[in-house]
Amino acid sequence: MRPVTASLRRAGFTLIELIAVMAIIMILAVALLPRVNAAFEQAQVTACTANLGKIHQGLMMYHSQKKRWPKEGGVGFFASLVAGGIWEDTETSTKGLSCPSVESSFLTPSMEGIPMGEWYTDLSRVDGSWSAYAGRDIKQYPLRKYPASGKEVLVADDNDPEGNHKLMTNALFGDGAVRSFDVFEEREKGNADPEDEFLRVGPDARIEQLRVLTLD
């Protein structure tokens, strides 16, 4: 009988080698997971910024066709893009009128079984629970000029009941710019408490620019 060679005896991995490989994989996973989460969060922030930019374009088209701003406030302010025929009543349009960081399944229409493309066709049933964005409170803060000032906020993350994004709130301004309010910076300015993880939006907001929005 021929003796078993050393090369044959070393054909497989030893238990220690397998444990070492598994340990390396676990260390890499732990190290990379925060970066993956951060990249995913940044992608959602970027998608939100793109949504708000498109909403501004839609509002410009709305004013161009109807010679006025939408009469409705809150979600109705930007949902008028669909109800007013500026955008088609499709699922794509509906998704573009809410922050992508918040699952649509948590919004009221999905619970009521209304097809997504029909969410904004009837503004009489629309309220703040139909989108993760807050719109301009037209009654309290009407837009008197066109185009709106670059200091005026038109639409923003509603942060209701929690922050749409970690540590920041996206806001669409009248000049079409989308700017972010960072909770750490706002804490230093006294616009947020040390324990706050997100910023309030609406009439109770401590940031004056975000008070012109309504969650209704």
N, C-alpha and C. Protein backbone atom coordinates (compact mmCIF):
# COMPACT_ATOMS: atom_id res chain seq x y z
N MET A 1 0.85 -1.18 0.00
CA MET A 1 0.00 0.00 0.00
C MET A 1 0.90 1.24 0.00
N ARG A 2 0.54 2.22 -0.90
CA ARG A 2 1.36 3.44 -1.03
C ARG A 2 1.05 4.39 0.14
N PRO A 3 2.06 4.99 0.72
CA PRO A 3 1.85 5.89 1.87
C PRO A 3 1.13 7.17 1.43
N VAL A 4 0.34 7.73 2.33
CA VAL A 4 -0.36 8.99 2.07
C VAL A 4 0.65 10.12 2.14
N THR A 5 0.71 10.93 1.11
CA THR A 5 1.71 12.00 1.07
C THR A 5 1.24 13.19 1.89
N ALA A 6 2.20 14.09 2.18
CA ALA A 6 1.89 15.30 2.96
C ALA A 6 0.94 16.22 2.21
N SER A 7 1.12 16.23 0.83
CA SER A 7 0.27 17.12 0.04
C SER A 7 -1.17 16.68 0.10
N LEU A 8 -1.42 15.36 0.13
CA LEU A 8 -2.79 14.87 0.22
C LEU A 8 -3.39 15.16 1.59
N ARG A 9 -2.55 15.04 2.63
CA ARG A 9 -3.05 15.29 3.98
C ARG A 9 -3.42 16.76 4.16
N ARG A 10 -2.84 17.68 3.33
CA ARG A 10 -3.11 19.11 3.47
C ARG A 10 -4.15 19.59 2.47
N ALA A 11 -4.91 18.66 1.86
CA ALA A 11 -5.86 19.03 0.82
C ALA A 11 -7.00 19.89 1.35
N GLY A 12 -7.42 19.76 2.61
CA GLY A 12 -8.53 20.51 3.17
C GLY A 12 -8.07 21.54 4.18
N PHE A 13 -9.06 22.39 4.65
CA PHE A 13 -8.75 23.38 5.67
C PHE A 13 -8.86 22.76 7.06
N THR A 14 -8.01 23.21 7.95
CA THR A 14 -8.13 22.78 9.34
C THR A 14 -9.19 23.62 10.03
N LEU A 15 -9.66 23.17 11.16
CA LEU A 15 -10.68 23.90 11.91
C LEU A 15 -10.18 25.29 12.30
N ILE A 16 -8.94 25.38 12.69
CA ILE A 16 -8.36 26.67 13.09
C ILE A 16 -8.36 27.64 11.92
N GLU A 17 -8.00 27.12 10.72
CA GLU A 17 -7.99 27.98 9.53
C GLU A 17 -9.40 28.48 9.20
N LEU A 18 -10.38 27.60 9.32
CA LEU A 18 -11.77 28.01 9.05
C LEU A 18 -12.24 29.07 10.04
N ILE A 19 -11.90 28.88 11.30
CA ILE A 19 -12.27 29.87 12.33
C ILE A 19 -11.62 31.21 12.04
N ALA A 20 -10.35 31.18 11.61
CA ALA A 20 -9.63 32.41 11.30
C ALA A 20 -10.27 33.14 10.13
N VAL A 21 -10.66 32.40 9.09
CA VAL A 21 -11.31 33.01 7.92
C VAL A 21 -12.65 33.63 8.33
N MET A 22 -13.43 32.89 9.14
CA MET A 22 -14.72 33.40 9.58
C MET A 22 -14.56 34.67 10.43
N ALA A 23 -13.52 34.69 11.25
CA ALA A 23 -13.27 35.86 12.09
C ALA A 23 -12.92 37.07 11.24
N ILE A 24 -12.13 36.86 10.21
CA ILE A 24 -11.75 37.96 9.30
C ILE A 24 -12.99 38.50 8.59
N ILE A 25 -13.85 37.58 8.13
CA ILE A 25 -15.08 38.00 7.44
C ILE A 25 -15.98 38.80 8.38
N MET A 26 -16.10 38.36 9.62
CA MET A 26 -16.93 39.08 10.59
C MET A 26 -16.37 40.46 10.88
N ILE A 27 -15.06 40.57 11.01
CA ILE A 27 -14.42 41.87 11.28
C ILE A 27 -14.67 42.82 10.11
N LEU A 28 -14.53 42.30 8.88
CA LEU A 28 -14.77 43.13 7.70
C LEU A 28 -16.22 43.58 7.62
N ALA A 29 -17.15 42.65 7.97
CA ALA A 29 -18.57 42.98 7.92
C ALA A 29 -18.91 44.09 8.92
N VAL A 30 -18.37 43.97 10.13
CA VAL A 30 -18.62 44.98 11.17
C VAL A 30 -18.04 46.33 10.75
N ALA A 31 -16.88 46.30 10.10
CA ALA A 31 -16.22 47.55 9.69
C ALA A 31 -16.95 48.21 8.52
N LEU A 32 -17.50 47.39 7.62
CA LEU A 32 -18.12 47.94 6.40
C LEU A 32 -19.59 48.30 6.57
N LEU A 33 -20.27 47.67 7.54
CA LEU A 33 -21.71 47.89 7.69
C LEU A 33 -22.08 49.37 7.88
N PRO A 34 -21.39 50.10 8.76
CA PRO A 34 -21.74 51.53 8.90
C PRO A 34 -21.57 52.30 7.60
N ARG A 35 -20.57 51.94 6.81
CA ARG A 35 -20.36 52.63 5.54
C ARG A 35 -21.47 52.30 4.55
N VAL A 36 -21.93 51.06 4.57
CA VAL A 36 -23.03 50.66 3.69
C VAL A 36 -24.30 51.42 4.07
N ASN A 37 -24.57 51.48 5.38
CA ASN A 37 -25.75 52.20 5.87
C ASN A 37 -25.67 53.68 5.52
N ALA A 38 -24.47 54.26 5.68
CA ALA A 38 -24.28 55.68 5.37
C ALA A 38 -24.48 55.94 3.89
N ALA A 39 -23.99 55.02 3.06
CA ALA A 39 -24.15 55.18 1.61
C ALA A 39 -25.62 55.08 1.22
N PHE A 40 -26.34 54.16 1.87
CA PHE A 40 -27.77 54.00 1.58
C PHE A 40 -28.54 55.24 2.01
N GLU A 41 -28.20 55.78 3.17
CA GLU A 41 -28.86 56.99 3.66
C GLU A 41 -28.58 58.17 2.73
N GLN A 42 -27.33 58.29 2.29
CA GLN A 42 -26.98 59.39 1.39
C GLN A 42 -27.72 59.27 0.06
N ALA A 43 -27.91 58.03 -0.40
CA ALA A 43 -28.65 57.82 -1.65
C ALA A 43 -30.09 58.29 -1.50
N GLN A 44 -30.69 58.06 -0.33
CA GLN A 44 -32.06 58.51 -0.09
C GLN A 44 -32.14 60.03 -0.01
N VAL A 45 -31.14 60.64 0.61
CA VAL A 45 -31.10 62.10 0.69
C VAL A 45 -30.99 62.69 -0.72
N THR A 46 -30.16 62.07 -1.55
CA THR A 46 -29.99 62.52 -2.93
C THR A 46 -31.29 62.38 -3.71
N ALA A 47 -31.99 61.25 -3.51
CA ALA A 47 -33.27 61.03 -4.19
C ALA A 47 -34.30 62.04 -3.72
N CYS A 48 -34.29 62.37 -2.43
CA CYS A 48 -35.20 63.37 -1.87
C CYS A 48 -34.92 64.73 -2.49
N THR A 49 -33.66 65.09 -2.61
CA THR A 49 -33.27 66.35 -3.23
C THR A 49 -33.77 66.44 -4.66
N ALA A 50 -33.63 65.32 -5.39
CA ALA A 50 -34.11 65.27 -6.77
C ALA A 50 -35.63 65.45 -6.82
N ASN A 51 -36.35 64.80 -5.91
CA ASN A 51 -37.81 64.95 -5.84
C ASN A 51 -38.21 66.41 -5.66
N LEU A 52 -37.57 67.07 -4.71
CA LEU A 52 -37.90 68.46 -4.42
C LEU A 52 -37.59 69.36 -5.61
N GLY A 53 -36.49 69.07 -6.30
CA GLY A 53 -36.16 69.85 -7.49
C GLY A 53 -37.23 69.71 -8.57
N LYS A 54 -37.74 68.50 -8.74
CA LYS A 54 -38.80 68.26 -9.74
C LYS A 54 -40.10 68.94 -9.32
N ILE A 55 -40.37 68.95 -8.01
CA ILE A 55 -41.57 69.63 -7.52
C ILE A 55 -41.49 71.12 -7.86
N HIS A 56 -40.31 71.71 -7.71
CA HIS A 56 -40.15 73.12 -8.06
C HIS A 56 -40.44 73.34 -9.55
N GLN A 57 -39.92 72.48 -10.40
CA GLN A 57 -40.19 72.60 -11.83
C GLN A 57 -41.68 72.49 -12.10
N GLY A 58 -42.34 71.56 -11.40
CA GLY A 58 -43.77 71.39 -11.56
C GLY A 58 -44.55 72.62 -11.13
N LEU A 59 -44.13 73.23 -10.03
CA LEU A 59 -44.80 74.44 -9.54
C LEU A 59 -44.62 75.60 -10.52
N MET A 60 -43.46 75.68 -11.16
CA MET A 60 -43.24 76.70 -12.17
C MET A 60 -44.17 76.49 -13.36
N MET A 61 -44.34 75.25 -13.76
CA MET A 61 -45.26 74.92 -14.85
C MET A 61 -46.70 75.23 -14.45
N TYR A 62 -47.04 74.93 -13.20
CA TYR A 62 -48.38 75.19 -12.69
C TYR A 62 -48.68 76.69 -12.80
N HIS A 63 -47.75 77.50 -12.32
CA HIS A 63 -47.96 78.95 -12.35
C HIS A 63 -48.01 79.46 -13.80
N SER A 64 -47.18 78.89 -14.66
CA SER A 64 -47.17 79.32 -16.05
C SER A 64 -48.50 79.05 -16.74
N GLN A 65 -49.11 77.91 -16.43
CA GLN A 65 -50.37 77.53 -17.08
C GLN A 65 -51.58 78.21 -16.44
N LYS A 66 -51.58 78.33 -15.10
CA LYS A 66 -52.77 78.82 -14.40
C LYS A 66 -52.64 80.25 -13.91
N LYS A 67 -51.45 80.83 -14.07
CA LYS A 67 -51.19 82.22 -13.68
C LYS A 67 -51.39 82.46 -12.19
N ARG A 68 -51.18 81.45 -11.38
CA ARG A 68 -51.31 81.60 -9.93
C ARG A 68 -50.62 80.42 -9.25
N TRP A 69 -50.40 80.56 -7.96
CA TRP A 69 -49.90 79.45 -7.15
C TRP A 69 -51.08 78.54 -6.77
N PRO A 70 -50.81 77.29 -6.39
CA PRO A 70 -51.91 76.44 -5.89
C PRO A 70 -52.61 77.10 -4.71
N LYS A 71 -53.92 76.96 -4.64
CA LYS A 71 -54.71 77.56 -3.56
C LYS A 71 -54.66 76.73 -2.28
N GLU A 72 -54.38 75.44 -2.41
CA GLU A 72 -54.36 74.55 -1.25
C GLU A 72 -53.04 74.65 -0.51
N GLY A 73 -53.10 74.42 0.79
CA GLY A 73 -51.90 74.41 1.60
C GLY A 73 -51.52 73.00 2.01
N GLY A 74 -50.37 72.86 2.65
CA GLY A 74 -49.93 71.54 3.11
C GLY A 74 -49.64 70.61 1.94
N VAL A 75 -50.03 69.35 2.09
CA VAL A 75 -49.81 68.37 1.02
C VAL A 75 -50.53 68.80 -0.25
N GLY A 76 -51.69 69.44 -0.09
CA GLY A 76 -52.44 69.90 -1.25
C GLY A 76 -51.68 70.89 -2.11
N PHE A 77 -50.72 71.62 -1.50
CA PHE A 77 -49.94 72.62 -2.23
C PHE A 77 -49.19 71.97 -3.38
N PHE A 78 -48.51 70.85 -3.10
CA PHE A 78 -47.75 70.20 -4.18
C PHE A 78 -48.53 69.07 -4.85
N ALA A 79 -49.53 68.50 -4.14
CA ALA A 79 -50.38 67.48 -4.75
C ALA A 79 -51.22 68.09 -5.88
N SER A 80 -51.34 69.42 -5.90
CA SER A 80 -52.05 70.11 -6.97
C SER A 80 -51.40 69.88 -8.33
N LEU A 81 -50.14 69.45 -8.32
CA LEU A 81 -49.48 69.15 -9.57
C LEU A 81 -50.18 68.01 -10.30
N VAL A 82 -50.68 67.04 -9.52
CA VAL A 82 -51.44 65.93 -10.11
C VAL A 82 -52.90 66.32 -10.30
N ALA A 83 -53.50 66.85 -9.24
CA ALA A 83 -54.91 67.23 -9.32
C ALA A 83 -55.16 68.29 -10.39
N GLY A 84 -54.17 69.16 -10.62
CA GLY A 84 -54.32 70.22 -11.61
C GLY A 84 -53.89 69.83 -13.01
N GLY A 85 -53.49 68.57 -13.19
CA GLY A 85 -53.15 68.08 -14.52
C GLY A 85 -51.77 68.43 -15.02
N ILE A 86 -50.92 68.96 -14.13
CA ILE A 86 -49.54 69.28 -14.54
C ILE A 86 -48.74 67.99 -14.67
N TRP A 87 -48.91 67.10 -13.72
CA TRP A 87 -48.31 65.77 -13.78
C TRP A 87 -49.41 64.74 -13.98
N GLU A 88 -49.06 63.63 -14.63
CA GLU A 88 -50.02 62.54 -14.81
C GLU A 88 -50.30 61.86 -13.48
N ASP A 89 -51.49 61.31 -13.35
CA ASP A 89 -51.84 60.58 -12.13
C ASP A 89 -51.33 59.15 -12.24
N THR A 90 -50.03 59.01 -12.03
CA THR A 90 -49.36 57.71 -12.10
C THR A 90 -48.62 57.43 -10.80
N GLU A 91 -48.19 56.19 -10.66
CA GLU A 91 -47.43 55.81 -9.47
C GLU A 91 -46.12 56.60 -9.39
N THR A 92 -45.49 56.82 -10.54
CA THR A 92 -44.24 57.57 -10.57
C THR A 92 -44.44 58.99 -10.05
N SER A 93 -45.50 59.64 -10.48
CA SER A 93 -45.79 61.00 -10.01
C SER A 93 -46.03 61.01 -8.51
N THR A 94 -46.79 60.03 -8.04
CA THR A 94 -47.12 59.96 -6.61
C THR A 94 -45.86 59.79 -5.78
N LYS A 95 -44.96 58.90 -6.20
CA LYS A 95 -43.73 58.68 -5.46
C LYS A 95 -42.86 59.94 -5.45
N GLY A 96 -42.96 60.74 -6.50
CA GLY A 96 -42.17 61.96 -6.58
C GLY A 96 -42.67 63.06 -5.66
N LEU A 97 -43.84 62.86 -5.04
CA LEU A 97 -44.42 63.85 -4.16
C LEU A 97 -44.35 63.44 -2.69
N SER A 98 -43.39 62.58 -2.38
CA SER A 98 -43.17 62.17 -0.99
C SER A 98 -41.71 61.80 -0.81
N CYS A 99 -41.21 61.95 0.40
CA CYS A 99 -39.80 61.65 0.67
C CYS A 99 -39.54 60.15 0.52
N PRO A 100 -38.56 59.75 -0.29
CA PRO A 100 -38.28 58.33 -0.51
C PRO A 100 -37.75 57.60 0.72
N SER A 101 -37.37 58.34 1.76
CA SER A 101 -36.87 57.69 2.98
C SER A 101 -37.99 57.08 3.81
N VAL A 102 -39.23 57.50 3.55
CA VAL A 102 -40.38 56.99 4.30
C VAL A 102 -41.16 56.02 3.41
N GLU A 103 -41.36 54.81 3.90
CA GLU A 103 -42.07 53.79 3.13
C GLU A 103 -43.51 54.23 2.86
N SER A 104 -43.95 54.06 1.62
CA SER A 104 -45.31 54.46 1.26
C SER A 104 -46.37 53.66 2.02
N SER A 105 -45.99 52.48 2.51
CA SER A 105 -46.94 51.65 3.25
C SER A 105 -47.33 52.27 4.59
N PHE A 106 -46.57 53.27 5.05
CA PHE A 106 -46.89 53.94 6.31
C PHE A 106 -47.77 55.17 6.10
N LEU A 107 -48.09 55.48 4.85
CA LEU A 107 -48.94 56.63 4.56
C LEU A 107 -50.39 56.20 4.46
N THR A 108 -51.29 57.12 4.75
CA THR A 108 -52.72 56.81 4.85
C THR A 108 -53.33 56.16 3.62
N PRO A 109 -53.11 56.68 2.40
CA PRO A 109 -53.80 56.12 1.24
C PRO A 109 -53.56 54.63 1.04
N SER A 110 -52.32 54.18 1.31
CA SER A 110 -52.02 52.77 1.12
C SER A 110 -52.82 51.92 2.09
N MET A 111 -53.10 52.46 3.28
CA MET A 111 -53.89 51.74 4.26
C MET A 111 -55.36 51.68 3.85
N GLU A 112 -55.80 52.69 3.10
CA GLU A 112 -57.20 52.74 2.68
C GLU A 112 -57.44 51.98 1.38
N GLY A 113 -56.37 51.44 0.80
CA GLY A 113 -56.51 50.64 -0.41
C GLY A 113 -56.70 51.44 -1.68
N ILE A 114 -56.38 52.73 -1.67
CA ILE A 114 -56.49 53.55 -2.88
C ILE A 114 -55.26 53.32 -3.75
N PRO A 115 -55.44 53.01 -5.03
CA PRO A 115 -54.28 52.82 -5.91
C PRO A 115 -53.36 54.04 -5.87
N MET A 116 -52.06 53.81 -5.85
CA MET A 116 -51.12 54.90 -5.68
C MET A 116 -51.28 55.99 -6.72
N GLY A 117 -51.57 55.63 -7.95
CA GLY A 117 -51.71 56.62 -9.01
C GLY A 117 -52.89 57.56 -8.80
N GLU A 118 -53.83 57.18 -7.92
CA GLU A 118 -55.03 57.99 -7.69
C GLU A 118 -54.99 58.76 -6.37
N TRP A 119 -53.88 58.72 -5.67
CA TRP A 119 -53.81 59.35 -4.35
C TRP A 119 -54.16 60.83 -4.40
N TYR A 120 -53.66 61.55 -5.41
CA TYR A 120 -53.77 63.00 -5.41
C TYR A 120 -54.74 63.54 -6.45
N THR A 121 -55.62 62.71 -6.94
CA THR A 121 -56.58 63.18 -7.95
C THR A 121 -57.73 63.95 -7.31
N ASP A 122 -57.99 63.72 -6.03
CA ASP A 122 -59.08 64.41 -5.33
C ASP A 122 -58.51 65.06 -4.07
N LEU A 123 -58.27 66.36 -4.12
CA LEU A 123 -57.63 67.05 -3.01
C LEU A 123 -58.52 67.18 -1.78
N SER A 124 -59.81 66.96 -1.92
CA SER A 124 -60.71 67.08 -0.78
C SER A 124 -60.45 66.00 0.27
N ARG A 125 -59.82 64.92 -0.10
CA ARG A 125 -59.55 63.85 0.85
C ARG A 125 -58.09 63.84 1.31
N VAL A 126 -57.29 64.74 0.80
CA VAL A 126 -55.85 64.75 1.09
C VAL A 126 -55.55 65.55 2.34
N ASP A 127 -54.73 64.98 3.23
CA ASP A 127 -54.23 65.72 4.39
C ASP A 127 -52.77 65.38 4.61
N GLY A 128 -52.23 65.80 5.74
CA GLY A 128 -50.81 65.63 5.99
C GLY A 128 -50.31 64.21 6.07
N SER A 129 -51.21 63.25 6.27
CA SER A 129 -50.77 61.86 6.38
C SER A 129 -50.59 61.20 5.01
N TRP A 130 -50.83 61.96 3.93
CA TRP A 130 -50.74 61.39 2.60
C TRP A 130 -49.37 61.57 1.96
N SER A 131 -48.46 62.21 2.64
CA SER A 131 -47.11 62.40 2.12
C SER A 131 -46.15 62.60 3.28
N ALA A 132 -44.87 62.33 3.04
CA ALA A 132 -43.84 62.58 4.05
C ALA A 132 -43.19 63.94 3.84
N TYR A 133 -43.82 64.77 3.00
CA TYR A 133 -43.40 66.16 2.85
C TYR A 133 -44.44 67.08 3.48
N ALA A 134 -44.00 68.24 3.94
CA ALA A 134 -44.90 69.29 4.41
C ALA A 134 -44.90 70.40 3.37
N GLY A 135 -46.08 70.93 3.07
CA GLY A 135 -46.19 71.98 2.06
C GLY A 135 -46.46 73.34 2.68
N ARG A 136 -46.36 74.35 1.89
CA ARG A 136 -46.55 75.73 2.31
C ARG A 136 -47.95 75.94 2.91
N ASP A 137 -48.01 76.68 4.01
CA ASP A 137 -49.30 77.06 4.59
C ASP A 137 -49.76 78.32 3.87
N ILE A 138 -50.47 78.14 2.78
CA ILE A 138 -50.86 79.25 1.92
C ILE A 138 -51.78 80.25 2.61
N LYS A 139 -52.63 79.78 3.51
CA LYS A 139 -53.55 80.69 4.20
C LYS A 139 -52.80 81.65 5.13
N GLN A 140 -51.88 81.10 5.89
CA GLN A 140 -51.14 81.93 6.84
C GLN A 140 -49.95 82.65 6.20
N TYR A 141 -49.35 82.01 5.19
CA TYR A 141 -48.15 82.57 4.56
C TYR A 141 -48.30 82.52 3.04
N PRO A 142 -49.19 83.34 2.48
CA PRO A 142 -49.40 83.34 1.03
C PRO A 142 -48.16 83.79 0.27
N LEU A 143 -48.02 83.26 -0.93
CA LEU A 143 -46.92 83.67 -1.80
C LEU A 143 -47.40 84.83 -2.67
N ARG A 144 -46.84 85.99 -2.46
CA ARG A 144 -47.33 87.20 -3.11
C ARG A 144 -46.59 87.52 -4.40
N LYS A 145 -45.48 86.84 -4.64
CA LYS A 145 -44.69 87.15 -5.82
C LYS A 145 -44.38 85.89 -6.62
N TYR A 146 -44.09 86.10 -7.89
CA TYR A 146 -43.63 85.01 -8.76
C TYR A 146 -42.45 85.53 -9.57
N PRO A 147 -41.33 84.83 -9.57
CA PRO A 147 -41.08 83.62 -8.77
C PRO A 147 -40.90 83.97 -7.30
N ALA A 148 -41.01 82.96 -6.46
CA ALA A 148 -40.89 83.18 -5.02
C ALA A 148 -39.44 83.49 -4.65
N SER A 149 -39.28 84.13 -3.52
CA SER A 149 -37.95 84.50 -3.05
C SER A 149 -37.13 83.26 -2.68
N GLY A 150 -35.84 83.40 -2.84
CA GLY A 150 -34.94 82.32 -2.45
C GLY A 150 -34.83 82.15 -0.95
N LYS A 151 -35.51 83.02 -0.18
CA LYS A 151 -35.54 82.90 1.27
C LYS A 151 -36.81 82.20 1.75
N GLU A 152 -37.75 81.98 0.83
CA GLU A 152 -39.04 81.37 1.19
C GLU A 152 -39.01 79.87 0.98
N VAL A 153 -39.44 79.10 1.99
CA VAL A 153 -39.52 77.65 1.87
C VAL A 153 -40.89 77.27 1.32
N LEU A 154 -40.89 76.40 0.33
CA LEU A 154 -42.13 75.95 -0.30
C LEU A 154 -42.55 74.56 0.19
N VAL A 155 -41.58 73.66 0.27
CA VAL A 155 -41.84 72.26 0.66
C VAL A 155 -40.62 71.77 1.43
N ALA A 156 -40.85 70.85 2.39
CA ALA A 156 -39.72 70.28 3.14
C ALA A 156 -40.10 68.92 3.70
N ASP A 157 -39.11 68.18 4.16
CA ASP A 157 -39.37 66.95 4.91
C ASP A 157 -40.28 67.28 6.08
N ASP A 158 -41.29 66.44 6.34
CA ASP A 158 -42.19 66.77 7.45
C ASP A 158 -41.68 66.30 8.81
N ASN A 159 -40.76 65.32 8.82
CA ASN A 159 -40.20 64.81 10.09
C ASN A 159 -41.29 64.41 11.08
N ASP A 160 -42.35 63.83 10.57
CA ASP A 160 -43.50 63.47 11.41
C ASP A 160 -43.83 61.99 11.23
N PRO A 161 -43.73 61.17 12.28
CA PRO A 161 -43.47 61.50 13.68
C PRO A 161 -41.99 61.44 14.05
N GLU A 162 -41.13 61.15 13.09
CA GLU A 162 -39.69 61.12 13.35
C GLU A 162 -38.99 61.69 12.13
N GLY A 163 -37.68 61.86 12.22
CA GLY A 163 -36.95 62.46 11.11
C GLY A 163 -36.99 61.63 9.84
N ASN A 164 -37.17 62.30 8.71
CA ASN A 164 -37.13 61.60 7.42
C ASN A 164 -35.73 61.07 7.15
N HIS A 165 -34.74 61.91 7.44
CA HIS A 165 -33.34 61.54 7.26
C HIS A 165 -32.61 61.71 8.58
N LYS A 166 -31.52 61.02 8.73
CA LYS A 166 -30.74 61.14 9.95
C LYS A 166 -30.05 62.50 9.98
N LEU A 167 -30.34 63.25 10.99
CA LEU A 167 -29.62 64.48 11.34
C LEU A 167 -29.87 65.67 10.43
N MET A 168 -30.59 65.50 9.30
CA MET A 168 -30.78 66.64 8.41
C MET A 168 -32.20 66.70 7.88
N THR A 169 -32.60 67.91 7.50
CA THR A 169 -33.93 68.14 6.95
C THR A 169 -33.79 68.88 5.63
N ASN A 170 -34.29 68.29 4.55
CA ASN A 170 -34.23 68.93 3.25
C ASN A 170 -35.38 69.90 3.07
N ALA A 171 -35.09 71.04 2.47
CA ALA A 171 -36.13 72.05 2.23
C ALA A 171 -35.96 72.65 0.84
N LEU A 172 -37.10 72.82 0.15
CA LEU A 172 -37.11 73.44 -1.18
C LEU A 172 -37.42 74.92 -1.02
N PHE A 173 -36.56 75.78 -1.57
CA PHE A 173 -36.74 77.22 -1.49
C PHE A 173 -37.32 77.76 -2.80
N GLY A 174 -37.80 79.00 -2.72
CA GLY A 174 -38.51 79.58 -3.84
C GLY A 174 -37.69 79.73 -5.11
N ASP A 175 -36.37 79.80 -4.98
CA ASP A 175 -35.52 79.93 -6.17
C ASP A 175 -35.16 78.58 -6.77
N GLY A 176 -35.74 77.50 -6.22
CA GLY A 176 -35.47 76.16 -6.75
C GLY A 176 -34.33 75.43 -6.06
N ALA A 177 -33.63 76.12 -5.17
CA ALA A 177 -32.53 75.49 -4.45
C ALA A 177 -33.07 74.57 -3.36
N VAL A 178 -32.40 73.46 -3.16
CA VAL A 178 -32.73 72.54 -2.06
C VAL A 178 -31.58 72.61 -1.07
N ARG A 179 -31.90 73.05 0.15
CA ARG A 179 -30.88 73.18 1.18
C ARG A 179 -31.24 72.30 2.37
N SER A 180 -30.21 71.89 3.08
CA SER A 180 -30.40 71.00 4.22
C SER A 180 -30.12 71.73 5.53
N PHE A 181 -30.98 71.52 6.50
CA PHE A 181 -30.77 72.01 7.86
C PHE A 181 -30.20 70.86 8.67
N ASP A 182 -29.00 71.05 9.21
CA ASP A 182 -28.32 70.02 9.99
C ASP A 182 -28.66 70.19 11.46
N VAL A 183 -29.10 69.12 12.11
CA VAL A 183 -29.54 69.23 13.50
C VAL A 183 -28.41 69.65 14.43
N PHE A 184 -27.17 69.24 14.16
CA PHE A 184 -26.05 69.63 15.00
C PHE A 184 -25.80 71.14 14.91
N GLU A 185 -25.86 71.67 13.69
CA GLU A 185 -25.67 73.10 13.51
C GLU A 185 -26.80 73.90 14.16
N GLU A 186 -28.02 73.36 14.05
CA GLU A 186 -29.16 74.07 14.63
C GLU A 186 -29.15 74.01 16.15
N ARG A 187 -28.57 72.97 16.73
CA ARG A 187 -28.41 72.92 18.19
C ARG A 187 -27.53 74.07 18.66
N GLU A 188 -26.44 74.32 17.91
CA GLU A 188 -25.52 75.39 18.27
C GLU A 188 -26.19 76.75 18.16
N LYS A 189 -27.16 76.87 17.25
CA LYS A 189 -27.87 78.14 17.06
C LYS A 189 -29.03 78.30 18.04
N GLY A 190 -29.30 77.24 18.82
CA GLY A 190 -30.41 77.29 19.75
C GLY A 190 -31.74 76.91 19.13
N ASN A 191 -31.72 76.35 17.92
CA ASN A 191 -32.95 75.95 17.24
C ASN A 191 -33.33 74.49 17.48
N ALA A 192 -32.58 73.82 18.31
CA ALA A 192 -32.87 72.43 18.67
C ALA A 192 -32.25 72.14 20.03
N ASP A 193 -32.90 71.28 20.78
CA ASP A 193 -32.37 70.88 22.09
C ASP A 193 -31.27 69.84 21.91
N PRO A 194 -30.38 69.71 22.89
CA PRO A 194 -29.27 68.76 22.78
C PRO A 194 -29.72 67.33 22.52
N GLU A 195 -30.91 66.97 23.01
CA GLU A 195 -31.37 65.59 22.83
C GLU A 195 -32.16 65.40 21.55
N ASP A 196 -32.45 66.47 20.82
CA ASP A 196 -33.22 66.36 19.58
C ASP A 196 -32.42 65.63 18.50
N GLU A 197 -33.07 64.66 17.86
CA GLU A 197 -32.44 63.92 16.77
C GLU A 197 -32.91 64.42 15.41
N PHE A 198 -33.97 65.22 15.40
CA PHE A 198 -34.45 65.82 14.16
C PHE A 198 -35.13 67.13 14.48
N LEU A 199 -35.41 67.91 13.45
CA LEU A 199 -35.96 69.25 13.62
C LEU A 199 -37.47 69.25 13.44
N ARG A 200 -38.14 70.06 14.24
CA ARG A 200 -39.59 70.20 14.08
C ARG A 200 -39.89 71.05 12.85
N VAL A 201 -40.97 70.67 12.16
CA VAL A 201 -41.42 71.37 10.96
C VAL A 201 -42.86 71.79 11.18
N GLY A 202 -43.23 72.97 10.69
CA GLY A 202 -44.60 73.44 10.85
C GLY A 202 -44.67 74.62 11.81
N PRO A 203 -45.87 74.96 12.27
CA PRO A 203 -46.06 76.15 13.12
C PRO A 203 -45.27 76.11 14.42
N ASP A 204 -44.91 74.93 14.91
CA ASP A 204 -44.16 74.81 16.16
C ASP A 204 -42.65 74.75 15.95
N ALA A 205 -42.20 74.90 14.70
CA ALA A 205 -40.78 74.81 14.39
C ALA A 205 -40.02 75.97 15.04
N ARG A 206 -38.84 75.69 15.52
CA ARG A 206 -38.01 76.73 16.12
C ARG A 206 -37.21 77.48 15.04
N ILE A 207 -37.11 76.88 13.87
CA ILE A 207 -36.48 77.56 12.74
C ILE A 207 -37.56 78.34 12.00
N GLU A 208 -37.42 79.63 11.94
CA GLU A 208 -38.47 80.49 11.38
C GLU A 208 -38.85 80.09 9.96
N GLN A 209 -37.89 79.72 9.14
CA GLN A 209 -38.17 79.38 7.75
C GLN A 209 -39.05 78.15 7.61
N LEU A 210 -39.02 77.26 8.62
CA LEU A 210 -39.82 76.04 8.55
C LEU A 210 -41.21 76.22 9.16
N ARG A 211 -41.47 77.39 9.76
CA ARG A 211 -42.79 77.63 10.35
C ARG A 211 -43.85 77.92 9.29
N VAL A 212 -43.43 78.26 8.08
CA VAL A 212 -44.39 78.60 7.03
C VAL A 212 -45.03 77.35 6.42
N LEU A 213 -44.63 76.19 6.90
CA LEU A 213 -45.16 74.92 6.39
C LEU A 213 -46.23 74.39 7.34
N THR A 214 -47.06 73.51 6.82
CA THR A 214 -48.10 72.91 7.67
C THR A 214 -48.11 71.40 7.46
N LEU A 215 -48.38 70.67 8.54
CA LEU A 215 -48.48 69.21 8.49
C LEU A 215 -49.91 68.76 8.23
N ASP A 216 -50.84 69.69 8.09
CA ASP A 216 -52.24 69.34 7.83
C ASP A 216 -52.44 68.85 6.40
